[in-house]
């Protein structure tokens, strides 16, 4: 029995080694069967800390903070894109010449060796490099902006989070201006919050906005789920019934804090037969950059001060309320509640963490919100408590991306 186990383990390790050495040998059915692929990915990730020695754990964890900054360097020097676009391997000199930055070649070689050790690129011979699947995953415009955003905008706050928590005796405030971000970046009175800080840093703001618009690329969208879109259609018929102008004069969808209108456009595309106006709401300087089509209107709004659009069929937040702690969220949601008709629908497009067994994707975002904004990603119980506390009742929670627990929380005014 012991011999059989050893043979089985040896064959398993040999198989994994072969797949890692030659990714083209990965069976096509493994890539096409998403559930099987995710199971394998999950079990490998869980096995790593269980098989490591203390020294190996220290090497992995203590130097982990170097990986993201060096990915940023790779993006600065256009290493990933140049390798991805090349039909043949490139030398260190090639990459230096193509970077547009004239880096020292000895330094570049050191950087490339490190990137290859992470599998961000592949070293095919001494001083000869080619693209990797891992690096290609970070080479897109949205992913590259995400790396830049995390390093340039978030990294100092994350590193400073332990000192911030110690300063507050592990009871952080719920205010927007005393944050780990503010402490790490020594922001001025004019730049009290992360979003104030972005206003004077257009390059940082550009990376943030690109990443926010692209970070869900490839995931399922809630607009693909008929149980949600049918609820919106039903709500629209009810709120416009008996009103002057009927459905033609109604408002079907209000995207609150919708940036430059990605969701408004997607909504119109997915439900083209729904009459009524679609409203994009955000700060005036944000929506000024929105290029919208007929049927979508802009309304400049500070959602902490009020909700000017009354009686819409649906009011929608996407990844907005995670940026605000409960006291602020109660104010924002309270304005929407007051604007809602009895048949209006509130749609909150957010992470909904399980009360136990949360995934790494969820927990790391939760602590990033803490570091940047004294905010949080909420559990299902927390969401229900927050909404019920201001007179809103959860009608349903529909999950559309199970791995990251992305969901639409549908709520209405609570019955009196």
Protein backbone atom coordinates (compact mmCIF):
# COMPACT_ATOMS: atom_id res chain seq x y z
CA UNK A 1 0.00 0.00 0.00
CA UNK A 2 2.83 2.39 0.90
CA UNK A 3 4.67 1.60 -2.36
CA UNK A 4 1.45 2.22 -4.32
CA UNK A 5 1.01 5.61 -2.66
CA UNK A 6 4.61 6.59 -3.42
CA UNK A 7 4.23 5.59 -7.08
CA UNK A 8 0.97 7.50 -7.31
CA UNK A 9 2.45 10.62 -5.72
CA UNK A 10 5.55 10.40 -7.91
CA UNK A 11 3.41 10.17 -11.04
CA UNK A 12 1.27 13.08 -9.88
CA UNK A 13 4.31 15.27 -9.27
CA UNK A 14 5.81 14.27 -12.60
CA UNK A 15 2.57 15.21 -14.36
CA UNK A 16 2.46 18.63 -12.66
CA UNK A 17 6.13 19.23 -13.45
CA UNK A 18 5.50 18.43 -17.10
CA UNK A 19 2.55 20.81 -17.28
CA UNK A 20 4.53 23.59 -15.59
CA UNK A 21 7.53 23.10 -17.89
CA UNK A 22 5.45 22.83 -21.04
CA UNK A 23 2.14 24.72 -20.66
CA UNK A 24 1.13 23.64 -24.16
CA UNK A 25 0.71 20.15 -22.69
CA UNK A 26 -2.14 21.35 -20.47
CA UNK A 27 -5.21 19.43 -21.72
CA UNK A 28 -7.67 21.62 -23.54
CA UNK A 29 -10.52 20.19 -21.49
CA UNK A 30 -8.88 21.57 -18.33
CA UNK A 31 -9.02 25.09 -19.73
CA UNK A 32 -12.54 24.64 -21.10
CA UNK A 33 -13.97 23.08 -17.92
CA UNK A 34 -13.96 26.14 -15.71
CA UNK A 35 -15.07 24.36 -12.55
CA UNK A 36 -12.38 21.70 -12.88
CA UNK A 37 -9.77 24.37 -13.61
CA UNK A 38 -10.76 26.33 -10.52
CA UNK A 39 -10.71 23.21 -8.36
CA UNK A 40 -7.15 22.44 -9.44
CA UNK A 41 -6.07 26.04 -8.95
CA UNK A 42 -7.61 26.13 -5.47
CA UNK A 43 -6.07 22.88 -4.28
CA UNK A 44 -2.59 23.85 -5.52
CA UNK A 45 -2.80 27.19 -3.72
CA UNK A 46 -3.92 25.50 -0.51
CA UNK A 47 -1.19 22.88 -0.70
CA UNK A 48 1.67 25.38 -0.95
CA UNK A 49 1.61 26.57 2.70
CA UNK A 50 0.99 23.02 3.92
CA UNK A 51 4.07 21.60 2.18
CA UNK A 52 6.52 24.41 2.92
CA UNK A 53 9.25 24.38 5.54
CA UNK A 54 9.60 27.47 7.81
CA UNK A 55 12.48 28.72 5.67
CA UNK A 56 10.43 28.34 2.49
CA UNK A 57 7.47 30.15 4.06
CA UNK A 58 9.71 33.04 5.07
CA UNK A 59 11.15 33.27 1.57
CA UNK A 60 7.65 33.36 0.07
CA UNK A 61 5.96 35.69 2.54
CA UNK A 62 8.72 38.07 3.60
CA UNK A 63 9.75 38.92 0.05
CA UNK A 64 6.23 38.91 -1.38
CA UNK A 65 6.15 42.70 -1.10
CA UNK A 66 8.72 42.90 -3.89
CA UNK A 67 6.56 41.19 -6.52
CA UNK A 68 4.03 43.94 -7.20
CA UNK A 69 6.57 46.81 -7.39
CA UNK A 70 8.70 44.84 -9.83
CA UNK A 71 5.63 44.08 -11.94
CA UNK A 72 5.20 47.86 -12.00
CA UNK A 73 8.77 48.23 -13.29
CA UNK A 74 8.02 45.65 -15.98
CA UNK A 75 5.03 47.73 -17.08
CA UNK A 76 7.07 50.96 -17.01
CA UNK A 77 9.65 49.36 -19.30
CA UNK A 78 6.91 47.77 -21.47
CA UNK A 79 8.53 44.37 -20.98
CA UNK A 80 5.30 42.37 -20.89
CA UNK A 81 3.73 43.92 -23.97
CA UNK A 82 6.94 43.79 -26.01
CA UNK A 83 7.36 40.08 -25.28
CA UNK A 84 3.69 39.34 -25.91
CA UNK A 85 3.78 41.09 -29.29
CA UNK A 86 7.03 39.47 -30.43
CA UNK A 87 6.84 36.33 -32.57
CA UNK A 88 10.27 35.22 -31.31
CA UNK A 89 12.25 35.54 -28.05
CA UNK A 90 13.95 38.87 -27.33
CA UNK A 91 17.36 39.55 -25.86
CA UNK A 92 18.02 41.85 -22.93
CA UNK A 93 19.38 44.38 -25.41
CA UNK A 94 16.21 44.10 -27.52
CA UNK A 95 14.04 44.80 -24.50
CA UNK A 96 16.20 47.74 -23.46
CA UNK A 97 15.92 49.26 -26.94
CA UNK A 98 12.17 48.69 -27.14
CA UNK A 99 11.47 50.10 -23.65
CA UNK A 100 11.80 53.74 -24.65
CA UNK A 101 13.57 54.39 -21.35
CA UNK A 102 17.22 53.47 -22.14
CA UNK A 103 17.69 51.37 -18.97
CA UNK A 104 21.12 50.11 -17.93
CA UNK A 105 21.32 46.61 -19.43
CA UNK A 106 22.98 45.07 -16.39
CA UNK A 107 20.16 46.40 -14.20
CA UNK A 108 17.56 45.25 -16.71
CA UNK A 109 19.04 41.74 -16.75
CA UNK A 110 18.74 41.58 -12.95
CA UNK A 111 15.12 42.65 -13.16
CA UNK A 112 14.35 40.17 -15.93
CA UNK A 113 15.88 37.30 -13.96
CA UNK A 114 13.59 38.13 -11.04
CA UNK A 115 10.53 38.39 -13.28
CA UNK A 116 11.41 35.00 -14.80
CA UNK A 117 11.70 33.47 -11.31
CA UNK A 118 8.07 34.55 -10.76
CA UNK A 119 7.03 33.19 -14.19
CA UNK A 120 5.98 36.68 -15.27
CA UNK A 121 8.26 36.05 -18.24
CA UNK A 122 10.19 32.97 -19.41
CA UNK A 123 13.96 32.62 -19.70
CA UNK A 124 14.59 30.44 -22.75
CA UNK A 125 18.39 30.87 -22.74
CA UNK A 126 21.01 33.10 -21.14
CA UNK A 127 19.86 36.66 -21.78
CA UNK A 128 16.96 35.49 -23.98
CA UNK A 129 13.36 36.01 -22.91
CA UNK A 130 9.85 35.25 -24.06
CA UNK A 131 6.29 35.88 -22.87
CA UNK A 132 4.43 33.76 -20.33
CA UNK A 133 0.75 33.14 -19.67
CA UNK A 134 1.13 34.86 -16.28
CA UNK A 135 2.72 37.97 -17.77
CA UNK A 136 0.21 38.10 -20.61
CA UNK A 137 -2.56 38.17 -18.00
CA UNK A 138 -1.11 41.44 -16.68
CA UNK A 139 -0.28 43.02 -20.04
CA UNK A 140 -3.73 44.32 -20.96
CA UNK A 141 -4.59 47.99 -20.56
CA UNK A 142 -6.91 47.42 -17.61
CA UNK A 143 -4.61 44.96 -15.84
CA UNK A 144 -1.55 47.19 -16.33
CA UNK A 145 -3.49 50.13 -14.94
CA UNK A 146 -4.42 47.93 -11.98
CA UNK A 147 -0.76 47.21 -11.21
CA UNK A 148 0.06 50.92 -11.45
CA UNK A 149 -2.92 51.83 -9.26
CA UNK A 150 -2.03 49.35 -6.56
CA UNK A 151 1.64 50.39 -6.42
CA UNK A 152 1.30 54.14 -6.89
CA UNK A 153 -2.00 54.71 -5.07
CA UNK A 154 -2.45 51.91 -2.53
CA UNK A 155 0.88 50.37 -1.62
CA UNK A 156 1.97 52.96 0.94
CA UNK A 157 -1.38 52.68 2.73
CA UNK A 158 -1.14 48.88 2.87
CA UNK A 159 2.40 48.97 4.25
CA UNK A 160 1.34 51.65 6.74
CA UNK A 161 -1.79 49.82 7.91
CA UNK A 162 -0.13 48.06 10.90
CA UNK A 163 1.22 51.38 12.28
CA UNK A 164 -2.17 53.02 11.70
CA UNK A 165 -4.01 50.27 13.59
CA UNK A 166 -1.51 50.43 16.45
CA UNK A 167 -2.01 54.21 16.70
CA UNK A 168 -5.75 53.67 17.08
CA UNK A 169 -5.40 50.73 19.48
CA UNK A 170 -6.98 48.47 16.82
CA UNK A 171 -10.25 50.45 16.85
CA UNK A 172 -10.00 52.51 13.63
CA UNK A 173 -12.24 55.55 13.19
CA UNK A 174 -15.06 55.69 10.66
CA UNK A 175 -14.10 59.14 9.37
CA UNK A 176 -12.84 59.68 5.82
CA UNK A 177 -9.81 61.85 6.61
CA UNK A 178 -7.95 59.88 9.30
CA UNK A 179 -6.95 56.77 7.36
CA UNK A 180 -3.91 54.59 6.84
CA UNK A 181 -3.73 56.16 3.37
CA UNK A 182 -3.63 59.68 4.80
CA UNK A 183 -1.04 58.69 7.41
CA UNK A 184 1.22 57.00 4.85
CA UNK A 185 0.94 59.76 2.25
CA UNK A 186 0.97 62.73 4.66
CA UNK A 187 -1.88 64.38 2.79
CA UNK A 188 -2.67 68.07 3.26
CA UNK A 189 -5.87 69.66 4.55
CA UNK A 190 -6.92 70.10 0.91
CA UNK A 191 -6.33 66.39 0.23
CA UNK A 192 -7.99 64.78 3.22
CA UNK A 193 -9.20 61.67 1.42
CA UNK A 194 -7.91 59.39 -1.30
CA UNK A 195 -10.36 60.87 -3.80
CA UNK A 196 -9.28 64.44 -2.91
CA UNK A 197 -5.66 63.32 -3.41
CA UNK A 198 -6.50 61.96 -6.88
CA UNK A 199 -7.87 65.33 -8.03
CA UNK A 200 -4.38 66.83 -8.24
CA UNK A 201 -2.74 63.69 -9.70
CA UNK A 202 -4.23 63.05 -13.15
CA UNK A 203 -1.94 60.10 -13.96
CA UNK A 204 -2.91 58.33 -10.73
CA UNK A 205 -6.57 59.11 -11.34
CA UNK A 206 -6.35 57.78 -14.90
CA UNK A 207 -4.95 54.43 -13.74
CA UNK A 208 -7.59 54.20 -11.02
CA UNK A 209 -10.45 54.92 -13.42
CA UNK A 210 -9.18 52.53 -16.10
CA UNK A 211 -8.78 49.74 -13.59
CA UNK A 212 -12.21 50.35 -12.04
CA UNK A 213 -13.75 50.12 -15.50
CA UNK A 214 -11.87 46.96 -16.45
CA UNK A 215 -11.26 44.90 -13.32
CA UNK A 216 -14.34 42.73 -13.89
CA UNK A 217 -13.50 42.03 -17.51
CA UNK A 218 -14.30 38.43 -18.35
CA UNK A 219 -16.67 37.86 -15.46
CA UNK A 220 -20.38 37.29 -15.78
CA UNK A 221 -22.55 40.39 -15.46
CA UNK A 222 -25.79 40.70 -13.55
CA UNK A 223 -27.45 41.99 -16.71
CA UNK A 224 -27.25 38.46 -18.09
CA UNK A 225 -29.65 37.24 -15.40
CA UNK A 226 -33.35 37.48 -16.40
CA UNK A 227 -34.55 37.27 -12.79
CA UNK A 228 -33.01 40.70 -12.18
CA UNK A 229 -33.88 42.41 -15.46
CA UNK A 230 -37.47 41.19 -15.22
CA UNK A 231 -37.74 42.74 -11.76
CA UNK A 232 -36.57 46.07 -13.20
CA UNK A 233 -39.10 45.86 -16.05
CA UNK A 234 -41.88 45.05 -13.59
CA UNK A 235 -40.87 47.93 -11.33
CA UNK A 236 -40.82 50.32 -14.30
CA UNK A 237 -44.36 49.39 -15.32
CA UNK A 238 -45.60 49.87 -11.75
CA UNK A 239 -43.95 53.22 -11.02
CA UNK A 240 -45.08 54.73 -14.34
CA UNK A 241 -48.65 53.41 -14.21
CA UNK A 242 -51.05 56.32 -14.04
CA UNK A 243 -48.37 58.97 -14.42
CA UNK A 244 -48.64 61.60 -17.12
CA UNK A 245 -46.61 60.46 -20.12
CA UNK A 246 -46.49 56.88 -18.86
CA UNK A 247 -43.43 54.78 -19.60
CA UNK A 248 -42.15 57.23 -22.20
CA UNK A 249 -41.61 59.92 -19.54
CA UNK A 250 -40.37 57.66 -16.76
CA UNK A 251 -36.86 57.00 -15.49
CA UNK A 252 -35.89 53.33 -15.74
CA UNK A 253 -32.40 53.31 -14.25
CA UNK A 254 -30.31 55.70 -12.13
CA UNK A 255 -26.62 54.79 -11.86
CA UNK A 256 -25.42 56.55 -8.71
CA UNK A 257 -21.70 57.22 -8.65
CA UNK A 258 -21.52 55.73 -12.15
CA UNK A 259 -18.25 57.38 -13.22
CA UNK A 260 -18.35 57.92 -17.00
CA UNK A 261 -21.30 55.67 -17.75
CA UNK A 262 -20.04 52.13 -18.42
CA UNK A 263 -23.01 50.56 -16.64
CA UNK A 264 -25.55 52.91 -18.20
CA UNK A 265 -24.39 51.88 -21.65
CA UNK A 266 -24.40 48.19 -20.71
CA UNK A 267 -27.91 48.54 -19.27
CA UNK A 268 -29.22 50.13 -22.47
CA UNK A 269 -27.53 47.46 -24.60
CA UNK A 270 -28.90 44.54 -22.57
CA UNK A 271 -32.47 45.89 -22.22
CA UNK A 272 -32.97 47.86 -25.45
CA UNK A 273 -36.76 47.49 -25.42
CA UNK A 274 -37.19 49.18 -22.03
CA UNK A 275 -38.57 52.66 -22.45
CA UNK A 276 -37.74 55.57 -20.21
CA UNK A 277 -34.64 57.61 -19.48
CA UNK A 278 -31.39 56.26 -18.06
CA UNK A 279 -29.60 58.63 -15.68
CA UNK A 280 -25.86 58.78 -14.99
CA UNK A 281 -25.04 60.44 -11.67
CA UNK A 282 -21.64 61.43 -10.33
CA UNK A 283 -19.67 64.55 -9.48
CA UNK A 284 -19.76 67.20 -12.17
CA UNK A 285 -16.06 66.94 -12.98
CA UNK A 286 -16.45 63.17 -13.46
CA UNK A 287 -19.50 63.04 -15.72
CA UNK A 288 -18.05 65.87 -17.82
CA UNK A 289 -15.85 63.18 -19.36
CA UNK A 290 -18.75 60.84 -20.15
CA UNK A 291 -19.57 60.26 -23.82
CA UNK A 292 -23.17 59.06 -23.75
CA UNK A 293 -25.69 58.01 -26.36
CA UNK A 294 -29.32 59.05 -26.80
CA UNK A 295 -31.55 58.00 -23.94
CA UNK A 296 -28.86 58.46 -21.28
CA UNK A 297 -28.68 61.75 -19.41
CA UNK A 298 -26.10 63.20 -17.02
CA UNK A 299 -26.99 64.62 -13.62
CA UNK A 300 -24.26 66.11 -11.41
CA UNK A 301 -24.77 64.83 -7.87
CA UNK A 302 -23.01 64.78 -4.52
CA UNK A 303 -24.76 61.71 -3.13
CA UNK A 304 -23.93 62.72 0.44
CA UNK A 305 -26.17 65.76 -0.02
CA UNK A 306 -29.22 64.35 -1.75
CA UNK A 307 -30.90 62.42 -4.55
CA UNK A 308 -32.59 64.73 -7.07
CA UNK A 309 -34.21 62.06 -9.29
CA UNK A 310 -37.50 61.04 -7.71
CA UNK A 311 -39.63 57.98 -8.40
CA UNK A 312 -37.31 56.08 -10.73
CA UNK A 313 -37.92 52.40 -11.39
CA UNK A 314 -34.46 51.42 -10.18
CA UNK A 315 -31.57 53.05 -8.34
CA UNK A 316 -28.23 51.36 -8.77
CA UNK A 317 -24.89 51.39 -6.93
CA UNK A 318 -21.91 49.51 -8.32
CA UNK A 319 -18.93 49.06 -6.00
CA UNK A 320 -19.73 52.43 -4.40
CA UNK A 321 -20.90 51.66 -0.88
CA UNK A 322 -17.81 49.55 -0.13
CA UNK A 323 -15.96 52.90 -0.19
CA UNK A 324 -18.00 54.29 2.69
CA UNK A 325 -18.29 53.21 6.31
CA UNK A 326 -21.74 52.65 7.81
CA UNK A 327 -22.40 56.24 9.02
CA UNK A 328 -21.78 57.63 5.53
CA UNK A 329 -23.61 54.75 3.81
CA UNK A 330 -26.69 55.42 5.94
CA UNK A 331 -26.71 59.03 4.73
CA UNK A 332 -26.26 58.04 1.06
CA UNK A 333 -28.89 55.31 1.20
CA UNK A 334 -31.25 57.51 3.20
CA UNK A 335 -31.36 60.07 0.38
CA UNK A 336 -32.17 57.29 -2.10
CA UNK A 337 -34.86 55.84 0.16
CA UNK A 338 -36.53 59.26 0.33
CA UNK A 339 -36.48 59.53 -3.49
CA UNK A 340 -37.88 56.03 -4.08
CA UNK A 341 -41.47 55.28 -5.01
CA UNK A 342 -43.17 52.46 -3.12
CA UNK A 343 -42.54 50.25 -6.17
CA UNK A 344 -39.01 51.46 -6.86
CA UNK A 345 -36.18 48.96 -6.71
CA UNK A 346 -32.79 49.55 -5.10
CA UNK A 347 -29.98 47.55 -6.72
CA UNK A 348 -26.67 47.24 -4.88
CA UNK A 349 -24.01 45.58 -7.05
CA UNK A 350 -21.42 44.54 -4.49
CA UNK A 351 -19.42 41.86 -2.80
CA UNK A 352 -21.54 39.98 -0.31
CA UNK A 353 -19.20 38.07 1.95
CA UNK A 354 -20.41 34.86 3.55
CA UNK A 355 -20.68 35.01 7.32
CA UNK A 356 -17.98 32.32 7.42
CA UNK A 357 -15.47 30.86 4.96
CA UNK A 358 -14.79 34.02 2.92
CA UNK A 359 -12.50 33.75 -0.12
CA UNK A 360 -9.15 35.50 -0.37
CA UNK A 361 -10.49 37.75 -3.16
CA UNK A 362 -13.08 39.12 -0.75
CA UNK A 363 -10.94 39.46 2.36
CA UNK A 364 -8.06 41.21 0.60
CA UNK A 365 -10.44 43.76 -0.90
CA UNK A 366 -12.04 44.28 2.51
CA UNK A 367 -8.69 45.18 4.10
CA UNK A 368 -7.74 47.36 1.12
CA UNK A 369 -10.92 49.36 1.75
CA UNK A 370 -9.88 49.68 5.39
CA UNK A 371 -6.40 50.93 4.47
CA UNK A 372 -7.58 53.43 1.86
CA UNK A 373 -10.91 54.71 3.17
CA UNK A 374 -11.77 53.25 6.58
CA UNK A 375 -14.45 51.37 4.68
CA UNK A 376 -15.26 47.70 4.24
CA UNK A 377 -16.70 44.85 2.23
CA UNK A 378 -19.78 43.60 4.07
CA UNK A 379 -21.18 40.19 4.92
CA UNK A 380 -24.74 39.19 4.04
CA UNK A 381 -25.85 39.73 7.64
CA UNK A 382 -24.18 43.14 7.74
CA UNK A 383 -25.91 44.25 4.52
CA UNK A 384 -29.32 43.24 5.83
CA UNK A 385 -28.74 45.06 9.12
CA UNK A 386 -27.52 48.20 7.36
CA UNK A 387 -30.54 48.36 5.05
CA UNK A 388 -33.17 47.46 7.60
CA UNK A 389 -31.79 50.15 9.91
CA UNK A 390 -32.85 52.88 7.47
CA UNK A 391 -36.20 51.47 6.42
CA UNK A 392 -35.20 49.30 3.47
CA UNK A 393 -36.03 45.63 3.11
CA UNK A 394 -33.95 43.09 1.19
CA UNK A 395 -36.14 41.45 -1.45
CA UNK A 396 -33.49 39.06 -2.76
CA UNK A 397 -29.73 38.58 -3.14
CA UNK A 398 -28.74 37.13 -6.51
CA UNK A 399 -25.14 35.96 -6.94
CA UNK A 400 -23.75 36.26 -10.45
CA UNK A 401 -20.03 35.67 -9.81
CA UNK A 402 -19.67 33.00 -7.15
CA UNK A 403 -15.89 32.95 -6.87
CA UNK A 404 -15.73 36.55 -5.73
CA UNK A 405 -19.25 36.56 -4.25
CA UNK A 406 -20.38 39.36 -6.55
CA UNK A 407 -24.10 39.85 -6.14
CA UNK A 408 -27.03 42.13 -6.73
CA UNK A 409 -28.87 43.02 -3.54
CA UNK A 410 -32.44 43.94 -4.48
CA UNK A 411 -34.25 46.01 -1.87
CA UNK A 412 -37.44 48.03 -1.56
CA UNK A 413 -38.91 50.37 0.98
CA UNK A 414 -39.92 48.38 4.03
CA UNK A 415 -43.62 47.85 4.56
CA UNK A 416 -45.03 50.00 7.34
